[in-house]
PDB file of N, CA and C in Angstrom:
ATOM      1  N   MET A   1      -7.702  15.895   5.092  1.00  0.00           N
ATOM      2  CA  MET A   1      -9.120  16.006   5.371  1.00  0.00           C
ATOM      3  C   MET A   1      -9.665  17.012   4.549  1.00  0.00           C
ATOM      4  N   LEU A   2      -9.218  17.692   3.773  1.00  0.00           N
ATOM      5  CA  LEU A   2      -9.726  18.054   3.049  1.00  0.00           C
ATOM      6  C   LEU A   2     -10.107  17.197   1.531  1.00  0.00           C
ATOM      7  N   PHE A   3      -9.473  16.348   1.074  1.00  0.00           N
ATOM      8  CA  PHE A   3      -9.869  15.247   0.256  1.00  0.00           C
ATOM      9  C   PHE A   3     -10.946  14.151   0.626  1.00  0.00           C
ATOM     10  N   THR A   4     -11.014  14.252   1.841  1.00  0.00           N
ATOM     11  CA  THR A   4     -12.380  13.224   2.563  1.00  0.00           C
ATOM     12  C   THR A   4     -13.399  14.289   2.311  1.00  0.00           C
ATOM     13  N   PHE A   5     -13.207  15.209   2.837  1.00  0.00           N
ATOM     14  CA  PHE A   5     -14.333  16.186   2.523  1.00  0.00           C
ATOM     15  C   PHE A   5     -14.996  16.327   1.080  1.00  0.00           C
ATOM     16  N   VAL A   6     -13.945  16.679  -0.066  1.00  0.00           N
ATOM     17  CA  VAL A   6     -14.435  16.467  -1.235  1.00  0.00           C
ATOM     18  C   VAL A   6     -14.889  15.152  -1.684  1.00  0.00           C
ATOM     19  N   ILE A   7     -14.148  14.005  -1.219  1.00  0.00           N
ATOM     20  CA  ILE A   7     -15.565  12.853  -1.588  1.00  0.00           C
ATOM     21  C   ILE A   7     -16.456  12.663  -0.895  1.00  0.00           C
ATOM     22  N   ALA A   8     -16.716  13.007   0.352  1.00  0.00           N
ATOM     23  CA  ALA A   8     -17.964  13.046   0.948  1.00  0.00           C
ATOM     24  C   ALA A   8     -19.103  13.908   0.220  1.00  0.00           C
ATOM     25  N   GLN A   9     -18.587  14.865  -0.221  1.00  0.00           N
ATOM     26  CA  GLN A   9     -19.334  15.923  -1.016  1.00  0.00           C
ATOM     27  C   GLN A   9     -19.765  15.196  -2.205  1.00  0.00           C
ATOM     28  N   ALA A  10     -18.960  14.762  -3.197  1.00  0.00           N
ATOM     29  CA  ALA A  10     -19.217  14.018  -4.248  1.00  0.00           C
ATOM     30  C   ALA A  10     -19.891  12.762  -4.571  1.00  0.00           C
ATOM     31  N   PHE A  11     -19.556  12.008  -3.124  1.00  0.00           N
ATOM     32  CA  PHE A  11     -20.091  10.742  -3.191  1.00  0.00           C
ATOM     33  C   PHE A  11     -21.595  10.333  -3.756  1.00  0.00           C
ATOM     34  N   LEU A  12     -22.419  11.228  -3.271  1.00  0.00           N
ATOM     35  CA  LEU A  12     -24.103  11.133  -3.633  1.00  0.00           C
ATOM     36  C   LEU A  12     -24.315  11.434  -4.941  1.00  0.00           C
ATOM     37  N   SER A  13     -23.709  12.520  -5.382  1.00  0.00           N
ATOM     38  CA  SER A  13     -23.902  12.912  -6.823  1.00  0.00           C
ATOM     39  C   SER A  13     -23.395  11.778  -7.705  1.00  0.00           C
ATOM     40  N   MET A  14     -22.243  11.225  -7.198  1.00  0.00           N
ATOM     41  CA  MET A  14     -21.568  10.312  -8.053  1.00  0.00           C
ATOM     42  C   MET A  14     -22.431   8.961  -8.325  1.00  0.00           C
ATOM     43  N   LEU A  15     -22.930   8.367  -7.042  1.00  0.00           N
ATOM     44  CA  LEU A  15     -23.808   7.499  -6.794  1.00  0.00           C
ATOM     45  C   LEU A  15     -24.909   7.368  -7.719  1.00  0.00           C
ATOM     46  N   CYS A  16     -25.380   8.416  -7.670  1.00  0.00           N
ATOM     47  CA  CYS A  16     -26.722   8.959  -8.607  1.00  0.00           C
ATOM     48  C   CYS A  16     -26.545   8.733 -10.348  1.00  0.00           C
ATOM     49  N   GLY A  17     -25.438   9.319 -10.298  1.00  0.00           N
ATOM     50  CA  GLY A  17     -25.036   9.305 -11.847  1.00  0.00           C
ATOM     51  C   GLY A  17     -24.264   8.238 -12.306  1.00  0.00           C
ATOM     52  N   MET A  18     -23.620   7.166 -11.585  1.00  0.00           N
ATOM     53  CA  MET A  18     -23.107   5.863 -11.823  1.00  0.00           C
ATOM     54  C   MET A  18     -23.391   4.590 -11.244  1.00  0.00           C
ATOM     55  N   ARG A  19     -24.501   5.070 -10.566  1.00  0.00           N
ATOM     56  CA  ARG A  19     -25.086   4.009  -9.713  1.00  0.00           C
ATOM     57  C   ARG A  19     -24.322   3.122  -8.936  1.00  0.00           C
ATOM     58  N   SER A  20     -24.138   1.434  -9.520  1.00  0.00           N
ATOM     59  CA  SER A  20     -23.258   0.617  -8.712  1.00  0.00           C
ATOM     60  C   SER A  20     -21.860   0.809  -9.396  1.00  0.00           C
ATOM     61  N   GLY A  21     -21.544   1.314 -10.276  1.00  0.00           N
ATOM     62  CA  GLY A  21     -20.236   1.558 -10.993  1.00  0.00           C
ATOM     63  C   GLY A  21     -19.525   2.298  -9.990  1.00  0.00           C
ATOM     64  N   ILE A  22     -19.939   3.273  -9.253  1.00  0.00           N
ATOM     65  CA  ILE A  22     -18.997   4.019  -8.300  1.00  0.00           C
ATOM     66  C   ILE A  22     -18.324   2.910  -7.256  1.00  0.00           C
ATOM     67  N   PHE A  23     -18.887   1.864  -6.982  1.00  0.00           N
ATOM     68  CA  PHE A  23     -18.161   0.964  -6.201  1.00  0.00           C
ATOM     69  C   PHE A  23     -16.995   0.222  -7.151  1.00  0.00           C
ATOM     70  N   PHE A  24     -17.245  -0.078  -8.303  1.00  0.00           N
ATOM     71  CA  PHE A  24     -16.118  -0.457  -9.116  1.00  0.00           C
ATOM     72  C   PHE A  24     -15.066   0.560  -9.183  1.00  0.00           C
ATOM     73  N   PHE A  25     -15.381   1.881  -9.483  1.00  0.00           N
ATOM     74  CA  PHE A  25     -14.589   3.086  -9.367  1.00  0.00           C
ATOM     75  C   PHE A  25     -13.527   3.324  -8.325  1.00  0.00           C
ATOM     76  N   PHE A  26     -14.108   3.232  -6.754  1.00  0.00           N
ATOM     77  CA  PHE A  26     -13.378   3.121  -5.825  1.00  0.00           C
ATOM     78  C   PHE A  26     -12.742   2.033  -5.546  1.00  0.00           C
ATOM     79  N   GLY A  27     -13.133   0.728  -6.013  1.00  0.00           N
ATOM     80  CA  GLY A  27     -12.234  -0.232  -5.865  1.00  0.00           C
ATOM     81  C   GLY A  27     -11.342  -0.423  -6.945  1.00  0.00           C
ATOM     82  N   ALA A  28     -11.319   0.306  -7.744  1.00  0.00           N
ATOM     83  CA  ALA A  28     -10.374   0.054  -8.840  1.00  0.00           C
ATOM     84  C   ALA A  28      -9.127   0.952  -8.143  1.00  0.00           C
ATOM     85  N   TRP A  29      -9.475   2.183  -7.750  1.00  0.00           N
ATOM     86  CA  TRP A  29      -8.492   3.006  -6.468  1.00  0.00           C
ATOM     87  C   TRP A  29      -7.769   2.281  -5.752  1.00  0.00           C
ATOM     88  N   ILE A  30      -8.810   1.460  -5.072  1.00  0.00           N
ATOM     89  CA  ILE A  30      -7.848   0.758  -3.795  1.00  0.00           C
ATOM     90  C   ILE A  30      -7.291  -0.427  -4.821  1.00  0.00           C
ATOM     91  N   ASN A  31      -7.215  -0.533  -5.653  1.00  0.00           N
ATOM     92  CA  ASN A  31      -6.147  -1.414  -6.197  1.00  0.00           C
ATOM     93  C   ASN A  31      -5.093  -0.906  -6.851  1.00  0.00           C
ATOM     94  N   VAL A  32      -5.111   0.265  -7.358  1.00  0.00           N
ATOM     95  CA  VAL A  32      -3.990   1.609  -7.531  1.00  0.00           C
ATOM     96  C   VAL A  32      -3.010   1.405  -6.597  1.00  0.00           C
ATOM     97  N   MET A  33      -4.027   1.796  -5.257  1.00  0.00           N
ATOM     98  CA  MET A  33      -3.353   2.070  -4.001  1.00  0.00           C
ATOM     99  C   MET A  33      -2.200   0.974  -3.581  1.00  0.00           C
ATOM    100  N   GLY A  34      -2.786  -0.068  -3.751  1.00  0.00           N
ATOM    101  CA  GLY A  34      -2.415  -1.463  -3.387  1.00  0.00           C
ATOM    102  C   GLY A  34      -1.346  -1.718  -4.295  1.00  0.00           C
ATOM    103  N   LEU A  35      -1.136  -1.656  -5.260  1.00  0.00           N
ATOM    104  CA  LEU A  35      -0.265  -2.040  -6.390  1.00  0.00           C
ATOM    105  C   LEU A  35       0.971  -0.556  -6.107  1.00  0.00           C
ATOM    106  N   PHE A  36       0.659   0.579  -5.555  1.00  0.00           N
ATOM    107  CA  PHE A  36       1.382   1.258  -5.458  1.00  0.00           C
ATOM    108  C   PHE A  36       2.681   0.955  -4.196  1.00  0.00           C
ATOM    109  N   ALA A  37       1.524   0.853  -2.933  1.00  0.00           N
ATOM    110  CA  ALA A  37       2.461   0.196  -1.872  1.00  0.00           C
ATOM    111  C   ALA A  37       3.178  -1.093  -2.067  1.00  0.00           C
ATOM    112  N   LEU A  38       2.996  -2.273  -3.141  1.00  0.00           N
ATOM    113  CA  LEU A  38       3.615  -3.359  -3.557  1.00  0.00           C
ATOM    114  C   LEU A  38       4.793  -3.091  -4.041  1.00  0.00           C
ATOM    115  N   PHE A  39       4.840  -2.091  -5.039  1.00  0.00           N
ATOM    116  CA  PHE A  39       5.887  -1.832  -5.744  1.00  0.00           C
ATOM    117  C   PHE A  39       6.884  -0.613  -5.408  1.00  0.00           C
ATOM    118  N   PHE A  40       6.365   0.483  -4.614  1.00  0.00           N
ATOM    119  CA  PHE A  40       7.368   1.555  -4.134  1.00  0.00           C
ATOM    120  C   PHE A  40       7.322   1.832  -2.942  1.00  0.00           C
ATOM    121  N   ILE A  41       6.908   0.956  -2.082  1.00  0.00           N
ATOM    122  CA  ILE A  41       7.161   1.199  -0.572  1.00  0.00           C
ATOM    123  C   ILE A  41       8.023  -0.490  -0.127  1.00  0.00           C
ATOM    124  N   PRO A  42       8.903  -0.268   0.189  1.00  0.00           N
ATOM    125  CA  PRO A  42       9.720  -1.481   0.640  1.00  0.00           C
ATOM    126  C   PRO A  42       9.461  -1.675   1.982  1.00  0.00           C
ATOM    127  N   GLU A  43       9.804  -2.824   2.510  1.00  0.00           N
ATOM    128  CA  GLU A  43       9.419  -3.776   3.551  1.00  0.00           C
ATOM    129  C   GLU A  43      10.411  -3.384   4.314  1.00  0.00           C
ATOM    130  N   THR A  44      10.253  -2.937   5.746  1.00  0.00           N
ATOM    131  CA  THR A  44      11.399  -2.153   6.573  1.00  0.00           C
ATOM    132  C   THR A  44      11.347  -3.445   8.140  1.00  0.00           C
ATOM    133  N   LYS A  45      10.733  -4.279   7.941  1.00  0.00           N
ATOM    134  CA  LYS A  45      10.546  -4.938   9.185  1.00  0.00           C
ATOM    135  C   LYS A  45      11.638  -5.755   9.651  1.00  0.00           C
ATOM    136  N   GLY A  46      12.325  -5.698  10.377  1.00  0.00           N
ATOM    137  CA  GLY A  46      13.527  -6.306  11.480  1.00  0.00           C
ATOM    138  C   GLY A  46      14.766  -5.915  10.516  1.00  0.00           C
ATOM    139  N   VAL A  47      14.499  -4.289  10.005  1.00  0.00           N
ATOM    140  CA  VAL A  47      15.955  -3.559   9.416  1.00  0.00           C
ATOM    141  C   VAL A  47      15.843  -2.500  10.958  1.00  0.00           C
ATOM    142  N   ALA A  48      17.343  -2.450  11.190  1.00  0.00           N
ATOM    143  CA  ALA A  48      17.445  -1.696  12.551  1.00  0.00           C
ATOM    144  C   ALA A  48      17.346   0.153  11.754  1.00  0.00           C
ATOM    145  N   ILE A  49      16.939   1.096  12.624  1.00  0.00           N
ATOM    146  CA  ILE A  49      16.826   2.334  11.645  1.00  0.00           C
ATOM    147  C   ILE A  49      18.182   2.922  11.331  1.00  0.00           C
ATOM    148  N   ASP A  50      19.039   2.548  11.836  1.00  0.00           N
ATOM    149  CA  ASP A  50      20.287   2.832  11.177  1.00  0.00           C
ATOM    150  C   ASP A  50      21.124   2.380   9.796  1.00  0.00           C
ATOM    151  N   ASP A  51      20.218   0.923   9.703  1.00  0.00           N
ATOM    152  CA  ASP A  51      20.897   0.240   8.176  1.00  0.00           C
ATOM    153  C   ASP A  51      19.465   0.724   7.189  1.00  0.00           C
ATOM    154  N   VAL A  52      18.653   1.283   7.627  1.00  0.00           N
ATOM    155  CA  VAL A  52      17.452   1.646   6.436  1.00  0.00           C
ATOM    156  C   VAL A  52      18.211   2.222   5.290  1.00  0.00           C
ATOM    157  N   ARG A  53      18.889   3.212   5.244  1.00  0.00           N
ATOM    158  CA  ARG A  53      19.488   3.706   4.010  1.00  0.00           C
ATOM    159  C   ARG A  53      20.194   2.832   3.510  1.00  0.00           C
ATOM    160  N   GLU A  54      21.001   2.127   3.942  1.00  0.00           N
ATOM    161  CA  GLU A  54      22.004   1.005   2.852  1.00  0.00           C
ATOM    162  C   GLU A  54      21.538  -0.201   2.689  1.00  0.00           C
ATOM    163  N   ARG A  55      20.436  -0.952   3.327  1.00  0.00           N
ATOM    164  CA  ARG A  55      19.829  -1.933   3.209  1.00  0.00           C
ATOM    165  C   ARG A  55      18.691  -2.034   2.684  1.00  0.00           C
ATOM    166  N   VAL A  56      17.505  -1.066   2.447  1.00  0.00           N
ATOM    167  CA  VAL A  56      16.309  -0.974   2.031  1.00  0.00           C
ATOM    168  C   VAL A  56      16.101   0.179   0.973  1.00  0.00           C
ATOM    169  N   TRP A  57      16.838   1.469   0.869  1.00  0.00           N
ATOM    170  CA  TRP A  57      16.683   2.715  -0.128  1.00  0.00           C
ATOM    171  C   TRP A  57      17.363   2.424  -1.016  1.00  0.00           C
ATOM    172  N   LYS A  58      18.801   2.019  -0.848  1.00  0.00           N
ATOM    173  CA  LYS A  58      20.012   2.163  -1.730  1.00  0.00           C
ATOM    174  C   LYS A  58      19.464   0.993  -2.792  1.00  0.00           C
ATOM    175  N   PRO A  59      19.245  -0.018  -2.599  1.00  0.00           N
ATOM    176  CA  PRO A  59      18.959  -1.283  -3.212  1.00  0.00           C
ATOM    177  C   PRO A  59      17.700  -1.397  -4.032  1.00  0.00           C
ATOM    178  N   HIS A  60      16.837  -0.682  -3.324  1.00  0.00           N
ATOM    179  CA  HIS A  60      15.222  -0.637  -4.257  1.00  0.00           C
ATOM    180  C   HIS A  60      15.391  -0.008  -5.737  1.00  0.00           C
ATOM    181  N   TRP A  61      14.713  -0.497  -6.532  1.00  0.00           N
ATOM    182  CA  TRP A  61      14.717  -0.407  -8.011  1.00  0.00           C
ATOM    183  C   TRP A  61      14.550   0.901  -8.455  1.00  0.00           C
ATOM    184  N   PHE A  62      13.618   1.588  -7.392  1.00  0.00           N
ATOM    185  CA  PHE A  62      12.958   3.037  -7.883  1.00  0.00           C
ATOM    186  C   PHE A  62      13.658   3.852  -7.287  1.00  0.00           C
ATOM    187  N   TRP A  63      13.756   4.154  -5.542  1.00  0.00           N
ATOM    188  CA  TRP A  63      14.353   4.861  -5.142  1.00  0.00           C
ATOM    189  C   TRP A  63      15.791   5.267  -5.126  1.00  0.00           C
ATOM    190  N   LYS A  64      16.669   4.078  -5.547  1.00  0.00           N
ATOM    191  CA  LYS A  64      18.082   4.514  -5.579  1.00  0.00           C
ATOM    192  C   LYS A  64      18.554   5.371  -6.113  1.00  0.00           C
ATOM    193  N   ARG A  65      17.881   5.899  -7.556  1.00  0.00           N
ATOM    194  CA  ARG A  65      18.155   7.142  -8.050  1.00  0.00           C
ATOM    195  C   ARG A  65      18.216   8.346  -6.947  1.00  0.00           C
ATOM    196  N   TYR A  66      17.618   8.373  -5.618  1.00  0.00           N
ATOM    197  CA  TYR A  66      17.178   9.232  -5.232  1.00  0.00           C
ATOM    198  C   TYR A  66      18.089   9.905  -3.931  1.00  0.00           C
ATOM    199  N   ILE A  67      18.761   8.353  -3.612  1.00  0.00           N
ATOM    200  CA  ILE A  67      19.595   8.428  -2.682  1.00  0.00           C
ATOM    201  C   ILE A  67      21.052   8.742  -3.035  1.00  0.00           C
ATOM    202  N   LEU A  68      21.471  10.182  -2.430  1.00  0.00           N
ATOM    203  CA  LEU A  68      22.886  10.172  -2.562  1.00  0.00           C
ATOM    204  C   LEU A  68      23.912   9.393  -1.866  1.00  0.00           C
ATOM    205  N   ALA A  69      24.895   8.851  -2.418  1.00  0.00           N
ATOM    206  CA  ALA A  69      26.009   8.112  -1.434  1.00  0.00           C
ATOM    207  C   ALA A  69      26.449   9.114  -0.476  1.00  0.00           C
ATOM    208  N   GLU A  70      26.923   8.547   0.642  1.00  0.00           N
ATOM    209  CA  GLU A  70      27.531   8.952   1.775  1.00  0.00           C
ATOM    210  C   GLU A  70      28.620  10.283   1.370  1.00  0.00           C
ATOM    211  N   ASP A  71      29.340   9.720   0.278  1.00  0.00           N
ATOM    212  CA  ASP A  71      30.391  10.928  -0.126  1.00  0.00           C
ATOM    213  C   ASP A  71      30.000  11.863  -0.924  1.00  0.00           C
ATOM    214  N   ASP A  72      28.960  11.664  -1.468  1.00  0.00           N
ATOM    215  CA  ASP A  72      28.121  12.632  -2.481  1.00  0.00           C
ATOM    216  C   ASP A  72      27.253  13.421  -1.056  1.00  0.00           C
ATOM    217  N   HIS A  73      26.819  13.021  -0.319  1.00  0.00           N
ATOM    218  CA  HIS A  73      26.369  13.838   0.707  1.00  0.00           C
ATOM    219  C   HIS A  73      27.392  14.777   1.107  1.00  0.00           C
ATOM    220  N   GLN A  74      28.231  14.142   1.784  1.00  0.00           N
ATOM    221  CA  GLN A  74      29.399  15.256   2.230  1.00  0.00           C
ATOM    222  C   GLN A  74      29.928  16.268   1.362  1.00  0.00           C
ATOM    223  N   ASP A  75      30.010  15.793  -0.031  1.00  0.00           N
ATOM    224  CA  ASP A  75      30.472  16.665  -1.019  1.00  0.00           C
ATOM    225  C   ASP A  75      29.343  17.869  -1.083  1.00  0.00           C
ATOM    226  N   VAL A  76      28.296  17.623  -0.958  1.00  0.00           N
ATOM    227  CA  VAL A  76      27.168  18.583  -1.293  1.00  0.00           C
ATOM    228  C   VAL A  76      27.105  19.505  -0.105  1.00  0.00           C
ATOM    229  N   GLU A  77      27.386  19.179   1.114  1.00  0.00           N
ATOM    230  CA  GLU A  77      27.292  19.759   2.362  1.00  0.00           C
ATOM    231  C   GLU A  77      28.725  20.484   2.489  1.00  0.00           C
ATOM    232  N   LYS A  78      29.805  20.409   1.639  1.00  0.00           N
ATOM    233  CA  LYS A  78      30.878  21.280   1.716  1.00  0.00           C
ATOM    234  C   LYS A  78      30.707  22.305   0.620  1.00  0.00           C
ATOM    235  N   ARG A  79      30.023  21.779  -0.434  1.00  0.00           N
ATOM    236  CA  ARG A  79      29.798  22.986  -1.155  1.00  0.00           C
ATOM    237  C   ARG A  79      28.722  23.970  -0.490  1.00  0.00           C
ATOM    238  N   THR A  80      27.783  23.956   0.020  1.00  0.00           N
ATOM    239  CA  THR A  80      27.031  24.712   0.641  1.00  0.00           C
ATOM    240  C   THR A  80      27.510  25.427   1.711  1.00  0.00           C
ATOM    241  N   GLU A  81      28.710  25.351   2.459  1.00  0.00           N
ATOM    242  CA  GLU A  81      29.100  26.091   3.756  1.00  0.00           C
ATOM    243  C   GLU A  81      29.875  27.422   2.782  1.00  0.00           C
TER     244      GLU A  81
END
């Protein structure tokens, strides 16, 4: 809500300065967000919640480096006890 407020307050002054360029500015951000969703958020349709870790996150080209293997996760739990 804070960022929505900031954008709402800045919109009119940006509109006066950038004129029609403000719509290209926001359009560019929509493209950036769309590309982020396309490349970084994997599709989970048809995947059971229990299988998401193994079938979605582990094979993903970016997120696989942040997902611990089950054995590694159990080792971390043992070390913290």
